[in-house]
Amino acid sequence: MEDVLEVYQRPYDPKRPQVCLDELSKQLVAEVRKPLPVLPGQTIRYDAEYVRNGVCSVFMCYEPLAGRRHVTVSDQRRRIDWAQVVKELVDVHYPEAEAIVLVMDQLNTHSPASLYEAFAPAEAKRLTDKLEIHHTPKHGSWLNMAEIELSVLSRQCLDRRIATKEMLCQEISAWQKHRNNQVGTLDWRFTTDEARIKLKHLYPSHKE
């Protein structure tokens, strides 16, 4: 926990951007019948019948000090999918960075081993050397700011039936553009000193 909180206290450095990464699954659901028009003052209503169109994975990459979000939609949630997201971070979004300071939870796919499963050894080593990885503690994924952004995305954009991957990508792209332009940075205030007070029960006790 203190390791992650120390990362959040570092000043902005474009050569070493801080990026929080997390993901969730989204069930694709299509309507069986065309929904009735919604009248003013009414909430949207869905038919009890629907068609399942599979599941997509939504990867959130959030750079809190720059207020930038990069959201990627994948067909699955495998090691290879995570590796492709990392490659995009390194080669597309931060090609000039000396290293990407990457904060993630301890999911088994969040490891350089996934890069070696997805790419040839030389390419996997190149990508690994670009990462400075910091994992949130077990049961402490709330320390990952990307989880906060995924929560907002879920409430504002994914809280309804979306039938296809194409529609999902369009909706997320519009949300990402709006949030990057209108919201920007996240004001993180939880520090190590506060953690030692508010979460004192998590620390070992020492007798004088």
N, C-alpha and C. Protein backbone atom coordinates (compact mmCIF):
# COMPACT_ATOMS: atom_id res chain seq x y z
N MET A 1 0.82 -1.20 0.00
CA MET A 1 0.00 0.00 0.00
C MET A 1 0.86 1.25 0.00
N GLU A 2 1.85 1.30 0.88
CA GLU A 2 2.70 2.48 0.96
C GLU A 2 3.52 2.67 -0.31
N ASP A 3 3.86 1.58 -0.96
CA ASP A 3 4.58 1.68 -2.23
C ASP A 3 3.74 2.40 -3.28
N VAL A 4 2.47 2.03 -3.39
CA VAL A 4 1.57 2.68 -4.36
C VAL A 4 1.34 4.14 -3.97
N LEU A 5 1.13 4.41 -2.69
CA LEU A 5 0.90 5.78 -2.25
C LEU A 5 2.12 6.66 -2.51
N GLU A 6 3.31 6.08 -2.41
CA GLU A 6 4.53 6.84 -2.72
C GLU A 6 4.56 7.22 -4.19
N VAL A 7 4.12 6.31 -5.05
CA VAL A 7 4.06 6.61 -6.48
C VAL A 7 3.14 7.80 -6.74
N TYR A 8 2.01 7.82 -6.06
CA TYR A 8 1.03 8.90 -6.28
C TYR A 8 1.53 10.26 -5.79
N GLN A 9 2.56 10.28 -4.96
CA GLN A 9 3.11 11.53 -4.47
C GLN A 9 4.20 12.09 -5.39
N ARG A 10 4.60 11.34 -6.39
CA ARG A 10 5.65 11.82 -7.29
C ARG A 10 5.12 12.95 -8.18
N PRO A 11 5.96 13.92 -8.50
CA PRO A 11 5.52 15.00 -9.40
C PRO A 11 5.40 14.49 -10.83
N TYR A 12 4.68 15.23 -11.63
CA TYR A 12 4.48 14.86 -13.04
C TYR A 12 5.81 14.86 -13.78
N ASP A 13 6.05 13.79 -14.50
CA ASP A 13 7.27 13.64 -15.29
C ASP A 13 6.89 12.98 -16.61
N PRO A 14 6.88 13.74 -17.72
CA PRO A 14 6.48 13.15 -19.00
C PRO A 14 7.38 12.01 -19.46
N LYS A 15 8.58 11.94 -18.93
CA LYS A 15 9.48 10.85 -19.29
C LYS A 15 9.17 9.57 -18.52
N ARG A 16 8.45 9.72 -17.40
CA ARG A 16 8.07 8.57 -16.59
C ARG A 16 6.59 8.71 -16.19
N PRO A 17 5.68 8.64 -17.16
CA PRO A 17 4.25 8.83 -16.87
C PRO A 17 3.72 7.75 -15.93
N GLN A 18 2.86 8.18 -15.00
CA GLN A 18 2.20 7.25 -14.09
C GLN A 18 0.88 6.82 -14.72
N VAL A 19 0.69 5.53 -14.88
CA VAL A 19 -0.52 5.00 -15.52
C VAL A 19 -1.12 3.92 -14.62
N CYS A 20 -2.40 4.06 -14.32
CA CYS A 20 -3.14 3.04 -13.58
C CYS A 20 -3.93 2.20 -14.58
N LEU A 21 -3.90 0.88 -14.42
CA LEU A 21 -4.55 -0.02 -15.37
C LEU A 21 -5.46 -0.98 -14.63
N ASP A 22 -6.66 -1.15 -15.16
CA ASP A 22 -7.61 -2.11 -14.60
C ASP A 22 -8.57 -2.51 -15.71
N GLU A 23 -9.35 -3.57 -15.48
CA GLU A 23 -10.29 -4.02 -16.50
C GLU A 23 -11.55 -4.59 -15.88
N LEU A 24 -12.60 -4.64 -16.71
CA LEU A 24 -13.85 -5.27 -16.31
C LEU A 24 -14.46 -5.97 -17.51
N SER A 25 -15.47 -6.81 -17.24
CA SER A 25 -16.18 -7.52 -18.29
C SER A 25 -17.54 -6.87 -18.53
N LYS A 26 -17.95 -6.83 -19.78
CA LYS A 26 -19.25 -6.27 -20.14
C LYS A 26 -20.02 -7.28 -20.99
N GLN A 27 -21.17 -7.71 -20.48
CA GLN A 27 -22.04 -8.61 -21.22
C GLN A 27 -22.73 -7.85 -22.33
N LEU A 28 -22.66 -8.37 -23.56
CA LEU A 28 -23.36 -7.78 -24.69
C LEU A 28 -24.76 -8.37 -24.76
N VAL A 29 -25.76 -7.49 -24.75
CA VAL A 29 -27.15 -7.93 -24.69
C VAL A 29 -27.95 -7.19 -25.76
N ALA A 30 -28.67 -7.96 -26.58
CA ALA A 30 -29.51 -7.38 -27.63
C ALA A 30 -30.98 -7.53 -27.26
N GLU A 31 -31.81 -6.63 -27.77
CA GLU A 31 -33.24 -6.68 -27.52
C GLU A 31 -33.92 -7.71 -28.43
N VAL A 32 -34.93 -8.37 -27.90
CA VAL A 32 -35.77 -9.25 -28.71
C VAL A 32 -36.85 -8.44 -29.40
N ARG A 33 -37.40 -7.47 -28.68
CA ARG A 33 -38.41 -6.58 -29.23
C ARG A 33 -37.91 -5.14 -29.19
N LYS A 34 -38.36 -4.33 -30.10
CA LYS A 34 -37.99 -2.93 -30.14
C LYS A 34 -38.56 -2.22 -28.92
N PRO A 35 -37.70 -1.54 -28.14
CA PRO A 35 -38.20 -0.86 -26.92
C PRO A 35 -39.22 0.22 -27.26
N LEU A 36 -40.18 0.42 -26.36
CA LEU A 36 -41.16 1.49 -26.52
C LEU A 36 -40.50 2.85 -26.28
N PRO A 37 -40.95 3.88 -26.96
CA PRO A 37 -40.40 5.23 -26.73
C PRO A 37 -40.57 5.64 -25.27
N VAL A 38 -39.59 6.34 -24.76
CA VAL A 38 -39.63 6.81 -23.38
C VAL A 38 -40.30 8.18 -23.34
N LEU A 39 -41.30 8.32 -22.50
CA LEU A 39 -42.00 9.60 -22.35
C LEU A 39 -41.26 10.49 -21.35
N PRO A 40 -41.43 11.80 -21.44
CA PRO A 40 -40.78 12.71 -20.48
C PRO A 40 -41.12 12.35 -19.04
N GLY A 41 -40.10 12.30 -18.21
CA GLY A 41 -40.30 12.00 -16.80
C GLY A 41 -40.27 10.52 -16.47
N GLN A 42 -40.22 9.66 -17.50
CA GLN A 42 -40.17 8.22 -17.27
C GLN A 42 -38.73 7.72 -17.37
N THR A 43 -38.45 6.66 -16.65
CA THR A 43 -37.16 5.99 -16.80
C THR A 43 -37.27 4.96 -17.91
N ILE A 44 -36.13 4.62 -18.52
CA ILE A 44 -36.13 3.66 -19.60
C ILE A 44 -36.54 2.29 -19.08
N ARG A 45 -37.33 1.56 -19.87
CA ARG A 45 -37.81 0.24 -19.48
C ARG A 45 -37.35 -0.79 -20.51
N TYR A 46 -36.99 -1.98 -20.00
CA TYR A 46 -36.51 -3.05 -20.86
C TYR A 46 -37.48 -4.23 -20.81
N ASP A 47 -37.56 -4.93 -21.93
CA ASP A 47 -38.34 -6.17 -21.96
C ASP A 47 -37.58 -7.24 -21.18
N ALA A 48 -38.33 -8.15 -20.57
CA ALA A 48 -37.69 -9.21 -19.79
C ALA A 48 -36.90 -10.17 -20.67
N GLU A 49 -37.25 -10.26 -21.94
CA GLU A 49 -36.54 -11.13 -22.86
C GLU A 49 -35.39 -10.38 -23.51
N TYR A 50 -34.29 -11.09 -23.72
CA TYR A 50 -33.13 -10.50 -24.39
C TYR A 50 -32.28 -11.61 -24.98
N VAL A 51 -31.27 -11.22 -25.76
CA VAL A 51 -30.37 -12.17 -26.41
C VAL A 51 -28.94 -11.86 -25.96
N ARG A 52 -28.25 -12.87 -25.49
CA ARG A 52 -26.86 -12.70 -25.09
C ARG A 52 -25.95 -12.79 -26.32
N ASN A 53 -25.08 -11.79 -26.48
CA ASN A 53 -24.17 -11.76 -27.63
C ASN A 53 -22.70 -11.91 -27.22
N GLY A 54 -22.48 -12.54 -26.08
CA GLY A 54 -21.10 -12.74 -25.65
C GLY A 54 -20.65 -11.68 -24.66
N VAL A 55 -19.37 -11.71 -24.35
CA VAL A 55 -18.78 -10.82 -23.35
C VAL A 55 -17.53 -10.17 -23.93
N CYS A 56 -17.36 -8.88 -23.64
CA CYS A 56 -16.14 -8.16 -24.00
C CYS A 56 -15.41 -7.73 -22.73
N SER A 57 -14.12 -7.52 -22.86
CA SER A 57 -13.33 -6.97 -21.77
C SER A 57 -13.00 -5.52 -22.06
N VAL A 58 -13.10 -4.69 -21.04
CA VAL A 58 -12.83 -3.26 -21.17
C VAL A 58 -11.61 -2.94 -20.32
N PHE A 59 -10.53 -2.51 -20.96
CA PHE A 59 -9.29 -2.17 -20.27
C PHE A 59 -9.19 -0.66 -20.12
N MET A 60 -9.04 -0.20 -18.89
CA MET A 60 -8.92 1.22 -18.59
C MET A 60 -7.46 1.55 -18.24
N CYS A 61 -6.86 2.46 -19.00
CA CYS A 61 -5.55 3.00 -18.68
C CYS A 61 -5.74 4.48 -18.37
N TYR A 62 -5.39 4.86 -17.16
CA TYR A 62 -5.64 6.23 -16.71
C TYR A 62 -4.36 6.85 -16.18
N GLU A 63 -4.00 8.00 -16.77
CA GLU A 63 -2.83 8.75 -16.30
C GLU A 63 -3.34 9.91 -15.45
N PRO A 64 -3.36 9.77 -14.13
CA PRO A 64 -4.03 10.75 -13.27
C PRO A 64 -3.41 12.14 -13.31
N LEU A 65 -2.08 12.24 -13.42
CA LEU A 65 -1.45 13.55 -13.38
C LEU A 65 -1.64 14.34 -14.67
N ALA A 66 -1.99 13.66 -15.74
CA ALA A 66 -2.25 14.33 -17.02
C ALA A 66 -3.75 14.36 -17.33
N GLY A 67 -4.54 13.59 -16.60
CA GLY A 67 -5.98 13.56 -16.84
C GLY A 67 -6.34 12.90 -18.15
N ARG A 68 -5.58 11.87 -18.53
CA ARG A 68 -5.84 11.19 -19.80
C ARG A 68 -6.29 9.76 -19.56
N ARG A 69 -7.30 9.36 -20.32
CA ARG A 69 -7.81 8.00 -20.25
C ARG A 69 -7.71 7.36 -21.62
N HIS A 70 -7.22 6.13 -21.66
CA HIS A 70 -7.18 5.34 -22.88
C HIS A 70 -7.94 4.04 -22.59
N VAL A 71 -9.05 3.84 -23.24
CA VAL A 71 -9.88 2.66 -22.99
C VAL A 71 -9.84 1.75 -24.22
N THR A 72 -9.56 0.48 -23.98
CA THR A 72 -9.47 -0.51 -25.05
C THR A 72 -10.48 -1.62 -24.81
N VAL A 73 -11.17 -2.03 -25.86
CA VAL A 73 -12.14 -3.12 -25.78
C VAL A 73 -11.55 -4.35 -26.46
N SER A 74 -11.60 -5.47 -25.76
CA SER A 74 -11.05 -6.72 -26.28
C SER A 74 -12.11 -7.82 -26.22
N ASP A 75 -11.95 -8.81 -27.09
CA ASP A 75 -12.92 -9.91 -27.11
C ASP A 75 -12.80 -10.79 -25.88
N GLN A 76 -11.60 -10.85 -25.29
CA GLN A 76 -11.39 -11.72 -24.14
C GLN A 76 -10.52 -11.01 -23.10
N ARG A 77 -10.22 -11.74 -22.02
CA ARG A 77 -9.48 -11.17 -20.90
C ARG A 77 -8.28 -12.05 -20.58
N ARG A 78 -7.57 -12.46 -21.63
CA ARG A 78 -6.44 -13.37 -21.47
C ARG A 78 -5.14 -12.60 -21.26
N ARG A 79 -4.08 -13.37 -21.00
CA ARG A 79 -2.76 -12.77 -20.88
C ARG A 79 -2.39 -12.00 -22.14
N ILE A 80 -2.75 -12.58 -23.28
CA ILE A 80 -2.40 -11.95 -24.56
C ILE A 80 -3.10 -10.61 -24.72
N ASP A 81 -4.33 -10.51 -24.25
CA ASP A 81 -5.06 -9.25 -24.36
C ASP A 81 -4.42 -8.16 -23.51
N TRP A 82 -4.02 -8.52 -22.28
CA TRP A 82 -3.32 -7.56 -21.43
C TRP A 82 -2.00 -7.14 -22.09
N ALA A 83 -1.29 -8.09 -22.67
CA ALA A 83 -0.02 -7.79 -23.32
C ALA A 83 -0.20 -6.81 -24.48
N GLN A 84 -1.27 -6.97 -25.24
CA GLN A 84 -1.53 -6.06 -26.35
C GLN A 84 -1.83 -4.65 -25.85
N VAL A 85 -2.52 -4.54 -24.72
CA VAL A 85 -2.79 -3.22 -24.13
C VAL A 85 -1.49 -2.56 -23.71
N VAL A 86 -0.59 -3.32 -23.11
CA VAL A 86 0.70 -2.78 -22.69
C VAL A 86 1.53 -2.34 -23.89
N LYS A 87 1.53 -3.12 -24.94
CA LYS A 87 2.27 -2.76 -26.15
C LYS A 87 1.74 -1.45 -26.73
N GLU A 88 0.42 -1.27 -26.70
CA GLU A 88 -0.17 -0.02 -27.20
C GLU A 88 0.25 1.16 -26.33
N LEU A 89 0.31 0.95 -25.01
CA LEU A 89 0.78 2.01 -24.12
C LEU A 89 2.20 2.43 -24.48
N VAL A 90 3.07 1.43 -24.66
CA VAL A 90 4.48 1.71 -24.91
C VAL A 90 4.71 2.34 -26.27
N ASP A 91 4.10 1.78 -27.31
CA ASP A 91 4.44 2.18 -28.68
C ASP A 91 3.54 3.27 -29.26
N VAL A 92 2.32 3.39 -28.76
CA VAL A 92 1.38 4.36 -29.34
C VAL A 92 1.18 5.58 -28.44
N HIS A 93 0.88 5.33 -27.18
CA HIS A 93 0.53 6.44 -26.29
C HIS A 93 1.74 7.11 -25.63
N TYR A 94 2.79 6.34 -25.35
CA TYR A 94 3.95 6.90 -24.66
C TYR A 94 5.26 6.47 -25.32
N PRO A 95 5.42 6.69 -26.62
CA PRO A 95 6.62 6.22 -27.31
C PRO A 95 7.90 6.94 -26.87
N GLU A 96 7.77 8.16 -26.34
CA GLU A 96 8.94 8.93 -25.93
C GLU A 96 9.32 8.70 -24.46
N ALA A 97 8.53 7.94 -23.75
CA ALA A 97 8.78 7.75 -22.32
C ALA A 97 10.00 6.86 -22.08
N GLU A 98 10.75 7.19 -21.05
CA GLU A 98 11.85 6.33 -20.63
C GLU A 98 11.31 5.08 -19.97
N ALA A 99 10.25 5.24 -19.20
CA ALA A 99 9.59 4.11 -18.55
C ALA A 99 8.16 4.53 -18.19
N ILE A 100 7.26 3.56 -18.19
CA ILE A 100 5.89 3.79 -17.76
C ILE A 100 5.73 3.23 -16.36
N VAL A 101 5.35 4.08 -15.42
CA VAL A 101 5.14 3.66 -14.03
C VAL A 101 3.72 3.11 -13.97
N LEU A 102 3.60 1.78 -13.91
CA LEU A 102 2.32 1.11 -14.09
C LEU A 102 1.80 0.57 -12.77
N VAL A 103 0.62 1.05 -12.37
CA VAL A 103 -0.04 0.59 -11.13
C VAL A 103 -1.18 -0.34 -11.51
N MET A 104 -1.19 -1.56 -10.93
CA MET A 104 -2.21 -2.56 -11.24
C MET A 104 -2.50 -3.39 -10.00
N ASP A 105 -3.60 -4.16 -10.05
CA ASP A 105 -3.83 -5.13 -8.99
C ASP A 105 -3.03 -6.40 -9.28
N GLN A 106 -3.20 -7.41 -8.44
CA GLN A 106 -2.36 -8.60 -8.54
C GLN A 106 -2.99 -9.74 -9.34
N LEU A 107 -3.84 -9.41 -10.30
CA LEU A 107 -4.39 -10.42 -11.19
C LEU A 107 -3.26 -11.17 -11.88
N ASN A 108 -3.42 -12.49 -12.06
CA ASN A 108 -2.31 -13.29 -12.55
C ASN A 108 -1.85 -12.90 -13.95
N THR A 109 -2.71 -12.22 -14.72
CA THR A 109 -2.31 -11.80 -16.07
C THR A 109 -1.44 -10.54 -16.05
N HIS A 110 -1.42 -9.83 -14.94
CA HIS A 110 -0.69 -8.56 -14.85
C HIS A 110 0.77 -8.82 -14.51
N SER A 111 1.47 -9.39 -15.46
CA SER A 111 2.84 -9.83 -15.20
C SER A 111 3.64 -9.82 -16.49
N PRO A 112 4.96 -9.54 -16.43
CA PRO A 112 5.80 -9.65 -17.63
C PRO A 112 5.72 -11.02 -18.29
N ALA A 113 5.34 -12.05 -17.51
CA ALA A 113 5.19 -13.38 -18.11
C ALA A 113 4.16 -13.36 -19.23
N SER A 114 3.16 -12.51 -19.12
CA SER A 114 2.14 -12.40 -20.16
C SER A 114 2.74 -11.85 -21.45
N LEU A 115 3.72 -10.96 -21.33
CA LEU A 115 4.38 -10.41 -22.52
C LEU A 115 5.16 -11.50 -23.24
N TYR A 116 5.79 -12.40 -22.48
CA TYR A 116 6.55 -13.49 -23.09
C TYR A 116 5.62 -14.52 -23.72
N GLU A 117 4.39 -14.62 -23.22
CA GLU A 117 3.43 -15.52 -23.83
C GLU A 117 2.88 -14.95 -25.13
N ALA A 118 2.82 -13.62 -25.22
CA ALA A 118 2.23 -12.97 -26.38
C ALA A 118 3.23 -12.68 -27.49
N PHE A 119 4.49 -12.42 -27.13
CA PHE A 119 5.47 -11.95 -28.12
C PHE A 119 6.75 -12.79 -28.07
N ALA A 120 7.57 -12.61 -29.09
CA ALA A 120 8.88 -13.25 -29.13
C ALA A 120 9.73 -12.70 -27.98
N PRO A 121 10.72 -13.46 -27.50
CA PRO A 121 11.49 -13.05 -26.33
C PRO A 121 12.10 -11.65 -26.44
N ALA A 122 12.65 -11.30 -27.59
CA ALA A 122 13.29 -9.99 -27.72
C ALA A 122 12.26 -8.86 -27.58
N GLU A 123 11.08 -9.04 -28.17
CA GLU A 123 10.03 -8.03 -28.07
C GLU A 123 9.49 -7.96 -26.65
N ALA A 124 9.31 -9.11 -26.02
CA ALA A 124 8.82 -9.13 -24.63
C ALA A 124 9.80 -8.42 -23.71
N LYS A 125 11.09 -8.65 -23.91
CA LYS A 125 12.11 -7.99 -23.09
C LYS A 125 12.11 -6.49 -23.32
N ARG A 126 11.94 -6.07 -24.57
CA ARG A 126 11.89 -4.63 -24.87
C ARG A 126 10.73 -3.96 -24.13
N LEU A 127 9.57 -4.58 -24.15
CA LEU A 127 8.40 -4.02 -23.49
C LEU A 127 8.56 -4.05 -21.97
N THR A 128 9.08 -5.15 -21.45
CA THR A 128 9.28 -5.27 -20.00
C THR A 128 10.21 -4.18 -19.48
N ASP A 129 11.27 -3.89 -20.24
CA ASP A 129 12.24 -2.87 -19.82
C ASP A 129 11.64 -1.47 -19.79
N LYS A 130 10.48 -1.30 -20.42
CA LYS A 130 9.80 0.00 -20.44
C LYS A 130 8.84 0.17 -19.26
N LEU A 131 8.71 -0.86 -18.42
CA LEU A 131 7.72 -0.82 -17.35
C LEU A 131 8.36 -0.75 -15.97
N GLU A 132 7.80 0.07 -15.11
CA GLU A 132 8.10 0.06 -13.68
C GLU A 132 6.79 -0.31 -12.99
N ILE A 133 6.66 -1.57 -12.60
CA ILE A 133 5.37 -2.11 -12.14
C ILE A 133 5.22 -1.98 -10.63
N HIS A 134 4.05 -1.51 -10.21
CA HIS A 134 3.70 -1.43 -8.79
C HIS A 134 2.32 -2.07 -8.62
N HIS A 135 2.23 -3.09 -7.78
CA HIS A 135 0.97 -3.79 -7.57
C HIS A 135 0.28 -3.28 -6.30
N THR A 136 -1.03 -3.12 -6.38
CA THR A 136 -1.80 -2.83 -5.18
C THR A 136 -1.83 -4.08 -4.31
N PRO A 137 -1.99 -3.94 -2.99
CA PRO A 137 -2.02 -5.12 -2.11
C PRO A 137 -3.29 -5.93 -2.30
N LYS A 138 -3.26 -7.16 -1.84
CA LYS A 138 -4.44 -8.01 -1.86
C LYS A 138 -5.55 -7.34 -1.07
N HIS A 139 -6.76 -7.35 -1.62
CA HIS A 139 -7.93 -6.68 -1.04
C HIS A 139 -7.75 -5.16 -1.02
N GLY A 140 -6.80 -4.64 -1.79
CA GLY A 140 -6.57 -3.20 -1.81
C GLY A 140 -6.65 -2.62 -3.20
N SER A 141 -7.47 -3.22 -4.06
CA SER A 141 -7.57 -2.73 -5.43
C SER A 141 -8.18 -1.33 -5.50
N TRP A 142 -8.84 -0.89 -4.41
CA TRP A 142 -9.40 0.47 -4.35
C TRP A 142 -8.31 1.53 -4.45
N LEU A 143 -7.05 1.14 -4.22
CA LEU A 143 -5.93 2.06 -4.36
C LEU A 143 -5.60 2.35 -5.83
N ASN A 144 -6.17 1.57 -6.72
CA ASN A 144 -5.92 1.75 -8.15
C ASN A 144 -6.91 2.77 -8.71
N MET A 145 -6.41 3.91 -9.15
CA MET A 145 -7.30 4.97 -9.64
C MET A 145 -8.05 4.56 -10.90
N ALA A 146 -7.52 3.59 -11.64
CA ALA A 146 -8.25 3.10 -12.81
C ALA A 146 -9.55 2.43 -12.41
N GLU A 147 -9.60 1.84 -11.22
CA GLU A 147 -10.83 1.23 -10.73
C GLU A 147 -11.90 2.29 -10.50
N ILE A 148 -11.50 3.46 -10.06
CA ILE A 148 -12.45 4.57 -9.88
C ILE A 148 -13.01 4.99 -11.23
N GLU A 149 -12.14 5.09 -12.22
CA GLU A 149 -12.59 5.49 -13.55
C GLU A 149 -13.51 4.44 -14.17
N LEU A 150 -13.23 3.18 -13.93
CA LEU A 150 -14.11 2.13 -14.44
C LEU A 150 -15.48 2.20 -13.78
N SER A 151 -15.51 2.57 -12.51
CA SER A 151 -16.78 2.73 -11.81
C SER A 151 -17.60 3.85 -12.44
N VAL A 152 -16.95 4.96 -12.76
CA VAL A 152 -17.64 6.07 -13.41
C VAL A 152 -18.12 5.66 -14.79
N LEU A 153 -17.27 4.98 -15.55
CA LEU A 153 -17.64 4.50 -16.87
C LEU A 153 -18.86 3.58 -16.80
N SER A 154 -18.89 2.71 -15.82
CA SER A 154 -20.00 1.77 -15.67
C SER A 154 -21.30 2.49 -15.39
N ARG A 155 -21.26 3.52 -14.54
CA ARG A 155 -22.46 4.26 -14.18
C ARG A 155 -22.95 5.18 -15.30
N GLN A 156 -22.01 5.78 -16.00
CA GLN A 156 -22.39 6.79 -16.99
C GLN A 156 -22.60 6.23 -18.40
N CYS A 157 -22.02 5.07 -18.68
CA CYS A 157 -22.01 4.61 -20.07
C CYS A 157 -22.45 3.16 -20.25
N LEU A 158 -22.15 2.30 -19.29
CA LEU A 158 -22.37 0.87 -19.48
C LEU A 158 -23.57 0.33 -18.71
N ASP A 159 -24.38 1.22 -18.14
CA ASP A 159 -25.49 0.79 -17.29
C ASP A 159 -26.76 0.53 -18.10
N ARG A 160 -26.61 0.03 -19.30
CA ARG A 160 -27.75 -0.28 -20.15
C ARG A 160 -27.36 -1.41 -21.11
N ARG A 161 -28.34 -1.90 -21.84
CA ARG A 161 -28.07 -2.99 -22.78
C ARG A 161 -27.34 -2.46 -24.02
N ILE A 162 -26.24 -3.10 -24.32
CA ILE A 162 -25.45 -2.79 -25.51
C ILE A 162 -25.29 -4.08 -26.29
N ALA A 163 -25.66 -4.05 -27.56
CA ALA A 163 -25.83 -5.31 -28.31
C ALA A 163 -24.56 -5.85 -28.93
N THR A 164 -23.66 -4.98 -29.39
CA THR A 164 -22.50 -5.46 -30.15
C THR A 164 -21.22 -4.80 -29.66
N LYS A 165 -20.11 -5.40 -30.03
CA LYS A 165 -18.81 -4.84 -29.69
C LYS A 165 -18.63 -3.48 -30.36
N GLU A 166 -19.12 -3.35 -31.60
CA GLU A 166 -18.99 -2.08 -32.32
C GLU A 166 -19.72 -0.96 -31.58
N MET A 167 -20.94 -1.24 -31.11
CA MET A 167 -21.69 -0.24 -30.35
C MET A 167 -20.97 0.09 -29.04
N LEU A 168 -20.42 -0.93 -28.40
CA LEU A 168 -19.70 -0.72 -27.15
C LEU A 168 -18.50 0.20 -27.38
N CYS A 169 -17.75 -0.04 -28.44
CA CYS A 169 -16.58 0.80 -28.74
C CYS A 169 -16.99 2.24 -29.02
N GLN A 170 -18.09 2.43 -29.74
CA GLN A 170 -18.57 3.78 -30.05
C GLN A 170 -18.98 4.52 -28.79
N GLU A 171 -19.72 3.84 -27.91
CA GLU A 171 -20.17 4.47 -26.67
C GLU A 171 -18.98 4.85 -25.78
N ILE A 172 -18.03 3.93 -25.66
CA ILE A 172 -16.87 4.18 -24.80
C ILE A 172 -16.00 5.28 -25.37
N SER A 173 -15.84 5.32 -26.69
CA SER A 173 -15.04 6.35 -27.32
C SER A 173 -15.62 7.74 -27.06
N ALA A 174 -16.94 7.85 -27.15
CA ALA A 174 -17.59 9.14 -26.88
C ALA A 174 -17.42 9.54 -25.42
N TRP A 175 -17.60 8.56 -24.51
CA TRP A 175 -17.42 8.84 -23.07
C TRP A 175 -15.99 9.27 -22.79
N GLN A 176 -15.02 8.57 -23.36
CA GLN A 176 -13.60 8.88 -23.13
C GLN A 176 -13.27 10.30 -23.59
N LYS A 177 -13.73 10.67 -24.77
CA LYS A 177 -13.45 12.01 -25.30
C LYS A 177 -14.06 13.08 -24.39
N HIS A 178 -15.30 12.87 -23.97
CA HIS A 178 -15.96 13.85 -23.11
C HIS A 178 -15.25 13.97 -21.76
N ARG A 179 -14.94 12.84 -21.15
CA ARG A 179 -14.34 12.87 -19.81
C ARG A 179 -12.93 13.45 -19.85
N ASN A 180 -12.16 13.13 -20.88
CA ASN A 180 -10.82 13.71 -20.99
C ASN A 180 -10.88 15.22 -21.15
N ASN A 181 -11.88 15.70 -21.89
CA ASN A 181 -12.00 17.13 -22.14
C ASN A 181 -12.61 17.89 -20.96
N GLN A 182 -13.55 17.26 -20.25
CA GLN A 182 -14.32 17.97 -19.23
C GLN A 182 -13.83 17.74 -17.80
N VAL A 183 -13.24 16.58 -17.53
CA VAL A 183 -12.91 16.24 -16.15
C VAL A 183 -11.41 16.33 -15.88
N GLY A 184 -10.62 15.68 -16.74
CA GLY A 184 -9.18 15.78 -16.57
C GLY A 184 -8.65 14.98 -15.40
N THR A 185 -7.92 15.64 -14.50
CA THR A 185 -7.19 14.95 -13.44
C THR A 185 -8.11 14.55 -12.30
N LEU A 186 -7.61 13.62 -11.49
CA LEU A 186 -8.31 13.16 -10.30
C LEU A 186 -7.53 13.64 -9.08
N ASP A 187 -8.21 14.26 -8.14
CA ASP A 187 -7.57 14.83 -6.96
C ASP A 187 -7.43 13.75 -5.89
N TRP A 188 -6.30 13.04 -5.89
CA TRP A 188 -6.05 11.97 -4.92
C TRP A 188 -5.45 12.57 -3.66
N ARG A 189 -6.10 12.35 -2.52
CA ARG A 189 -5.68 12.99 -1.27
C ARG A 189 -5.23 12.00 -0.19
N PHE A 190 -5.35 10.72 -0.44
CA PHE A 190 -5.01 9.72 0.58
C PHE A 190 -3.50 9.49 0.55
N THR A 191 -2.81 9.86 1.60
CA THR A 191 -1.35 9.78 1.67
C THR A 191 -0.90 8.69 2.63
N THR A 192 0.40 8.45 2.64
CA THR A 192 0.97 7.45 3.55
C THR A 192 0.74 7.83 5.01
N ASP A 193 0.93 9.10 5.33
CA ASP A 193 0.72 9.54 6.72
C ASP A 193 -0.72 9.29 7.16
N GLU A 194 -1.69 9.56 6.28
CA GLU A 194 -3.08 9.30 6.61
C GLU A 194 -3.35 7.81 6.74
N ALA A 195 -2.72 7.02 5.90
CA ALA A 195 -2.90 5.57 5.96
C ALA A 195 -2.44 5.02 7.30
N ARG A 196 -1.35 5.54 7.81
CA ARG A 196 -0.81 5.04 9.08
C ARG A 196 -1.70 5.40 10.26
N ILE A 197 -2.56 6.41 10.07
CA ILE A 197 -3.50 6.79 11.12
C ILE A 197 -4.83 6.06 10.94
N LYS A 198 -5.41 6.19 9.76
CA LYS A 198 -6.75 5.65 9.52
C LYS A 198 -6.76 4.12 9.41
N LEU A 199 -5.65 3.55 8.97
CA LEU A 199 -5.56 2.09 8.81
C LEU A 199 -4.55 1.50 9.78
N LYS A 200 -4.49 2.09 10.94
CA LYS A 200 -3.52 1.66 11.95
C LYS A 200 -3.67 0.19 12.29
N HIS A 201 -4.92 -0.31 12.24
CA HIS A 201 -5.18 -1.70 12.62
C HIS A 201 -4.54 -2.70 11.64
N LEU A 202 -4.13 -2.22 10.47
CA LEU A 202 -3.50 -3.12 9.49
C LEU A 202 -2.00 -3.28 9.73
N TYR A 203 -1.42 -2.39 10.51
CA TYR A 203 0.02 -2.42 10.75
C TYR A 203 0.34 -3.31 11.96
N PRO A 204 1.50 -3.97 11.94
CA PRO A 204 1.90 -4.75 13.12
C PRO A 204 2.04 -3.85 14.34
N SER A 205 1.67 -4.38 15.49
CA SER A 205 1.81 -3.61 16.72
C SER A 205 3.18 -3.81 17.29
N HIS A 206 3.78 -2.72 17.81
CA HIS A 206 5.13 -2.78 18.37
C HIS A 206 5.09 -2.27 19.81
N LYS A 207 5.55 -3.08 20.72
CA LYS A 207 5.60 -2.67 22.12
C LYS A 207 6.90 -1.93 22.38
N GLU A 208 6.79 -0.85 23.14
CA GLU A 208 7.97 -0.06 23.49
C GLU A 208 8.86 -0.87 24.44
